[in-house]
Amino acid sequence: MYERGLIRRTPTGIAHRCEEMYERGLIRRTPTGIAHRCEEMYERGLIRRTPTGIAHRCEEMYERGLIRRTPTGIAHRCEEMYERGLIRRTPTGIAHRCEEMYERGLIRRTPTGIAHQCEEMYERGLIRRTPTGIAHRNPWTTKYLNREPEAIVHRLR
């Protein structure tokens, strides 16, 4: 992982990226060590276990061709969106459009994080759930973002 740039050297040895994430408050400590957000997501049924550990949804998305590999690992769609100018960088990383939407009051926070407009739409019966997540009924948004129908799509304009 160090050779791939996913971890860094420190005075005491090699520090995983998770330690940086802990310092930024993105992950939490548990009695057995540092719990990645992915462990919380696994407990909520959003990711699955594999023979080598916990598989993030991004791995499933890669298998389905929705994301691509980069020299440092798997590139999420958000990286592609950044390259296309649809999202912006922040001091802590890449800010999804949903963060900007939250700042503008278009979405709301929930106990588990930021609730996308699509979650509210699902609660109102305007969108439907699929095996991989929430699917909007509006095919225009899927075509507009060039996303798969079973992905969560947002209308950016």
C-alpha atoms as a PDB file:
ATOM      1  CA  MET A   1       0.000   0.000   0.000  1.00  0.00           C
ATOM      2  CA  TYR A   2       2.917   2.349   0.687  1.00  0.00           C
ATOM      3  CA  GLU A   3       4.239   1.825  -2.837  1.00  0.00           C
ATOM      4  CA  ARG A   4       0.778   2.688  -4.190  1.00  0.00           C
ATOM      5  CA  GLY A   5       0.716   5.928  -2.190  1.00  0.00           C
ATOM      6  CA  LEU A   6      -2.158   4.886   0.036  1.00  0.00           C
ATOM      7  CA  ILE A   7      -0.155   5.148   3.266  1.00  0.00           C
ATOM      8  CA  ARG A   8       2.702   7.422   4.391  1.00  0.00           C
ATOM      9  CA  ARG A   9       5.863   7.075   6.447  1.00  0.00           C
ATOM     10  CA  THR A  10       5.996   8.636   9.905  1.00  0.00           C
ATOM     11  CA  PRO A  11       8.747   8.846  12.556  1.00  0.00           C
ATOM     12  CA  THR A  12       7.292   5.734  14.189  1.00  0.00           C
ATOM     13  CA  GLY A  13       6.764   3.760  10.984  1.00  0.00           C
ATOM     14  CA  ILE A  14       4.174   3.649   8.205  1.00  0.00           C
ATOM     15  CA  ALA A  15       0.936   5.472   8.933  1.00  0.00           C
ATOM     16  CA  HIS A  16      -2.176   4.323   7.151  1.00  0.00           C
ATOM     17  CA  ARG A  17      -4.389   6.874   5.503  1.00  0.00           C
ATOM     18  CA  CYS A  18      -6.943   5.968   8.182  1.00  0.00           C
ATOM     19  CA  GLU A  19      -4.791   7.704  10.792  1.00  0.00           C
ATOM     20  CA  GLU A  20      -4.965  10.898   8.780  1.00  0.00           C
ATOM     21  CA  MET A  21      -8.700  10.404   8.474  1.00  0.00           C
ATOM     22  CA  TYR A  22      -8.963   9.960  12.235  1.00  0.00           C
ATOM     23  CA  GLU A  23      -7.067  13.212  12.764  1.00  0.00           C
ATOM     24  CA  ARG A  24      -9.605  14.881  10.449  1.00  0.00           C
ATOM     25  CA  GLY A  25     -12.508  13.380  12.407  1.00  0.00           C
ATOM     26  CA  LEU A  26     -13.724  11.165   9.579  1.00  0.00           C
ATOM     27  CA  ILE A  27     -13.351   7.912  11.503  1.00  0.00           C
ATOM     28  CA  ARG A  28     -13.732   6.923  15.162  1.00  0.00           C
ATOM     29  CA  ARG A  29     -11.778   4.901  17.704  1.00  0.00           C
ATOM     30  CA  THR A  30     -13.148   1.620  19.063  1.00  0.00           C
ATOM     31  CA  PRO A  31     -11.939  -0.687  21.863  1.00  0.00           C
ATOM     32  CA  THR A  32     -10.041  -2.708  19.274  1.00  0.00           C
ATOM     33  CA  GLY A  33      -8.534   0.256  17.408  1.00  0.00           C
ATOM     34  CA  ILE A  34      -9.636   2.732  14.770  1.00  0.00           C
ATOM     35  CA  ALA A  35     -12.980   1.951  13.175  1.00  0.00           C
ATOM     36  CA  HIS A  36     -13.281   3.087   9.598  1.00  0.00           C
ATOM     37  CA  ARG A  37     -16.480   4.652   8.458  1.00  0.00           C
ATOM     38  CA  CYS A  38     -16.784   1.538   6.301  1.00  0.00           C
ATOM     39  CA  GLU A  39     -17.277  -0.557   9.445  1.00  0.00           C
ATOM     40  CA  GLU A  40     -20.200   1.641  10.416  1.00  0.00           C
ATOM     41  CA  MET A  41     -21.509   1.317   6.878  1.00  0.00           C
ATOM     42  CA  TYR A  42     -21.163  -2.475   7.113  1.00  0.00           C
ATOM     43  CA  GLU A  43     -23.179  -2.478  10.319  1.00  0.00           C
ATOM     44  CA  ARG A  44     -25.874  -0.536   8.452  1.00  0.00           C
ATOM     45  CA  GLY A  45     -25.790  -3.050   5.568  1.00  0.00           C
ATOM     46  CA  LEU A  46     -24.397  -0.618   3.000  1.00  0.00           C
ATOM     47  CA  ILE A  47     -21.269  -2.635   2.213  1.00  0.00           C
ATOM     48  CA  ARG A  48     -20.410  -6.347   2.165  1.00  0.00           C
ATOM     49  CA  ARG A  49     -17.619  -8.551   3.475  1.00  0.00           C
ATOM     50  CA  THR A  50     -15.193 -10.300   1.126  1.00  0.00           C
ATOM     51  CA  PRO A  51     -12.480 -12.938   1.734  1.00  0.00           C
ATOM     52  CA  THR A  52      -9.918 -10.148   2.099  1.00  0.00           C
ATOM     53  CA  GLY A  53     -12.009  -7.902   4.336  1.00  0.00           C
ATOM     54  CA  ILE A  54     -14.787  -5.378   3.889  1.00  0.00           C
ATOM     55  CA  ALA A  55     -15.611  -4.465   0.321  1.00  0.00           C
ATOM     56  CA  HIS A  56     -16.644  -0.873  -0.153  1.00  0.00           C
ATOM     57  CA  ARG A  57     -19.544  -0.068  -2.428  1.00  0.00           C
ATOM     58  CA  CYS A  58     -16.888   1.432  -4.713  1.00  0.00           C
ATOM     59  CA  GLU A  59     -15.501  -2.042  -5.376  1.00  0.00           C
ATOM     60  CA  GLU A  60     -18.921  -3.227  -6.461  1.00  0.00           C
ATOM     61  CA  MET A  61     -19.245  -0.124  -8.598  1.00  0.00           C
ATOM     62  CA  TYR A  62     -15.861  -0.861 -10.188  1.00  0.00           C
ATOM     63  CA  GLU A  63     -17.012  -4.379 -11.012  1.00  0.00           C
ATOM     64  CA  ARG A  64     -20.053  -2.837 -12.710  1.00  0.00           C
ATOM     65  CA  GLY A  65     -17.876  -0.398 -14.667  1.00  0.00           C
ATOM     66  CA  LEU A  66     -19.128   2.738 -12.941  1.00  0.00           C
ATOM     67  CA  ILE A  67     -15.731   3.810 -11.624  1.00  0.00           C
ATOM     68  CA  ARG A  68     -12.179   3.420 -12.899  1.00  0.00           C
ATOM     69  CA  ARG A  69      -8.798   2.426 -11.494  1.00  0.00           C
ATOM     70  CA  THR A  70      -6.022   4.972 -11.033  1.00  0.00           C
ATOM     71  CA  PRO A  71      -2.329   4.591 -10.116  1.00  0.00           C
ATOM     72  CA  THR A  72      -3.240   5.010  -6.440  1.00  0.00           C
ATOM     73  CA  GLY A  73      -6.284   2.731  -6.434  1.00  0.00           C
ATOM     74  CA  ILE A  74      -9.952   2.987  -7.353  1.00  0.00           C
ATOM     75  CA  ALA A  75     -11.164   6.418  -8.442  1.00  0.00           C
ATOM     76  CA  HIS A  76     -14.659   7.243  -7.280  1.00  0.00           C
ATOM     77  CA  ARG A  77     -17.055   8.953  -9.633  1.00  0.00           C
ATOM     78  CA  CYS A  78     -16.519  12.073  -7.511  1.00  0.00           C
ATOM     79  CA  GLU A  79     -12.941  12.305  -8.797  1.00  0.00           C
ATOM     80  CA  GLU A  80     -14.198  12.202 -12.360  1.00  0.00           C
ATOM     81  CA  MET A  81     -16.790  14.804 -11.458  1.00  0.00           C
ATOM     82  CA  TYR A  82     -14.031  16.991 -10.016  1.00  0.00           C
ATOM     83  CA  GLU A  83     -12.099  16.718 -13.257  1.00  0.00           C
ATOM     84  CA  ARG A  84     -15.255  17.826 -15.086  1.00  0.00           C
ATOM     85  CA  GLY A  85     -15.643  20.824 -12.756  1.00  0.00           C
ATOM     86  CA  LEU A  86     -18.860  19.625 -11.141  1.00  0.00           C
ATOM     87  CA  ILE A  87     -17.448  19.504  -7.622  1.00  0.00           C
ATOM     88  CA  ARG A  88     -14.777  21.469  -5.773  1.00  0.00           C
ATOM     89  CA  ARG A  89     -11.815  20.736  -3.534  1.00  0.00           C
ATOM     90  CA  THR A  90     -11.844  21.716   0.150  1.00  0.00           C
ATOM     91  CA  PRO A  91      -9.096  21.729   2.805  1.00  0.00           C
ATOM     92  CA  THR A  92     -10.177  18.227   3.852  1.00  0.00           C
ATOM     93  CA  GLY A  93     -10.565  16.770   0.352  1.00  0.00           C
ATOM     94  CA  ILE A  94     -13.112  16.770  -2.445  1.00  0.00           C
ATOM     95  CA  ALA A  95     -16.453  18.350  -1.597  1.00  0.00           C
ATOM     96  CA  HIS A  96     -19.411  16.692  -3.245  1.00  0.00           C
ATOM     97  CA  ARG A  97     -22.112  18.851  -4.718  1.00  0.00           C
ATOM     98  CA  CYS A  98     -24.280  17.629  -1.811  1.00  0.00           C
ATOM     99  CA  GLU A  99     -22.089  19.597   0.616  1.00  0.00           C
ATOM    100  CA  GLU A 100     -22.638  22.729  -1.425  1.00  0.00           C
ATOM    101  CA  MET A 101     -26.343  21.940  -1.542  1.00  0.00           C
ATOM    102  CA  TYR A 102     -26.381  21.584   2.241  1.00  0.00           C
ATOM    103  CA  GLU A 103     -24.691  24.958   2.610  1.00  0.00           C
ATOM    104  CA  ARG A 104     -27.406  26.426   0.373  1.00  0.00           C
ATOM    105  CA  GLY A 105     -30.140  24.791   2.471  1.00  0.00           C
ATOM    106  CA  LEU A 106     -31.312  22.408  -0.248  1.00  0.00           C
ATOM    107  CA  ILE A 107     -30.640  19.273   1.766  1.00  0.00           C
ATOM    108  CA  ARG A 108     -30.758  18.442   5.460  1.00  0.00           C
ATOM    109  CA  ARG A 109     -28.595  16.645   8.002  1.00  0.00           C
ATOM    110  CA  THR A 110     -29.695  13.357   9.549  1.00  0.00           C
ATOM    111  CA  PRO A 111     -28.278  11.288  12.444  1.00  0.00           C
ATOM    112  CA  THR A 112     -26.219   9.341   9.915  1.00  0.00           C
ATOM    113  CA  GLY A 113     -24.998  12.323   7.904  1.00  0.00           C
ATOM    114  CA  ILE A 114     -26.286  14.520   5.104  1.00  0.00           C
ATOM    115  CA  ALA A 115     -29.611  13.438   3.643  1.00  0.00           C
ATOM    116  CA  HIS A 116     -29.706  13.908  -0.092  1.00  0.00           C
ATOM    117  CA  GLN A 117     -32.773  15.342  -1.679  1.00  0.00           C
ATOM    118  CA  CYS A 118     -33.339  11.904  -3.131  1.00  0.00           C
ATOM    119  CA  GLU A 119     -33.882  10.479   0.354  1.00  0.00           C
ATOM    120  CA  GLU A 120     -36.577  13.042   0.985  1.00  0.00           C
ATOM    121  CA  MET A 121     -38.043  12.249  -2.421  1.00  0.00           C
ATOM    122  CA  TYR A 122     -38.054   8.540  -1.527  1.00  0.00           C
ATOM    123  CA  GLU A 123     -39.911   9.308   1.686  1.00  0.00           C
ATOM    124  CA  ARG A 124     -42.506  11.151  -0.407  1.00  0.00           C
ATOM    125  CA  GLY A 125     -42.812   8.216  -2.820  1.00  0.00           C
ATOM    126  CA  LEU A 126     -41.316  10.014  -5.808  1.00  0.00           C
ATOM    127  CA  ILE A 127     -38.399   7.625  -6.258  1.00  0.00           C
ATOM    128  CA  ARG A 128     -37.935   3.900  -5.713  1.00  0.00           C
ATOM    129  CA  ARG A 129     -35.352   1.652  -4.094  1.00  0.00           C
ATOM    130  CA  THR A 130     -33.308  -0.877  -6.062  1.00  0.00           C
ATOM    131  CA  PRO A 131     -30.922  -3.639  -4.902  1.00  0.00           C
ATOM    132  CA  THR A 132     -28.024  -1.204  -5.197  1.00  0.00           C
ATOM    133  CA  GLY A 133     -29.637   1.886  -3.708  1.00  0.00           C
ATOM    134  CA  ILE A 134     -32.192   4.566  -4.524  1.00  0.00           C
ATOM    135  CA  ALA A 135     -33.221   4.960  -8.162  1.00  0.00           C
ATOM    136  CA  HIS A 136     -34.875   8.124  -9.373  1.00  0.00           C
ATOM    137  CA  ARG A 137     -37.909   7.664 -11.556  1.00  0.00           C
ATOM    138  CA  ASN A 138     -36.804  10.494 -13.805  1.00  0.00           C
ATOM    139  CA  PRO A 139     -34.684   8.940 -16.596  1.00  0.00           C
ATOM    140  CA  TRP A 140     -33.586  12.414 -17.691  1.00  0.00           C
ATOM    141  CA  THR A 141     -31.363  12.831 -14.647  1.00  0.00           C
ATOM    142  CA  THR A 142     -29.740   9.462 -15.316  1.00  0.00           C
ATOM    143  CA  LYS A 143     -29.037  10.423 -18.905  1.00  0.00           C
ATOM    144  CA  TYR A 144     -27.883  13.898 -17.889  1.00  0.00           C
ATOM    145  CA  LEU A 145     -25.226  12.581 -15.509  1.00  0.00           C
ATOM    146  CA  ASN A 146     -24.416   9.543 -17.656  1.00  0.00           C
ATOM    147  CA  ARG A 147     -25.078   7.281 -14.677  1.00  0.00           C
ATOM    148  CA  GLU A 148     -26.553   3.824 -14.406  1.00  0.00           C
ATOM    149  CA  PRO A 149     -30.304   3.703 -13.649  1.00  0.00           C
ATOM    150  CA  GLU A 150     -29.704   1.967 -10.321  1.00  0.00           C
ATOM    151  CA  ALA A 151     -27.334   4.671  -9.080  1.00  0.00           C
ATOM    152  CA  ILE A 152     -28.313   7.707  -7.056  1.00  0.00           C
ATOM    153  CA  VAL A 153     -28.526  10.629  -9.454  1.00  0.00           C
ATOM    154  CA  HIS A 154     -28.955  14.297  -8.773  1.00  0.00           C
ATOM    155  CA  ARG A 155     -30.163  17.065 -10.959  1.00  0.00           C
ATOM    156  CA  LEU A 156     -27.267  19.500 -10.884  1.00  0.00           C
ATOM    157  CA  ARG A 157     -28.947  22.464 -12.518  1.00  0.00           C
END
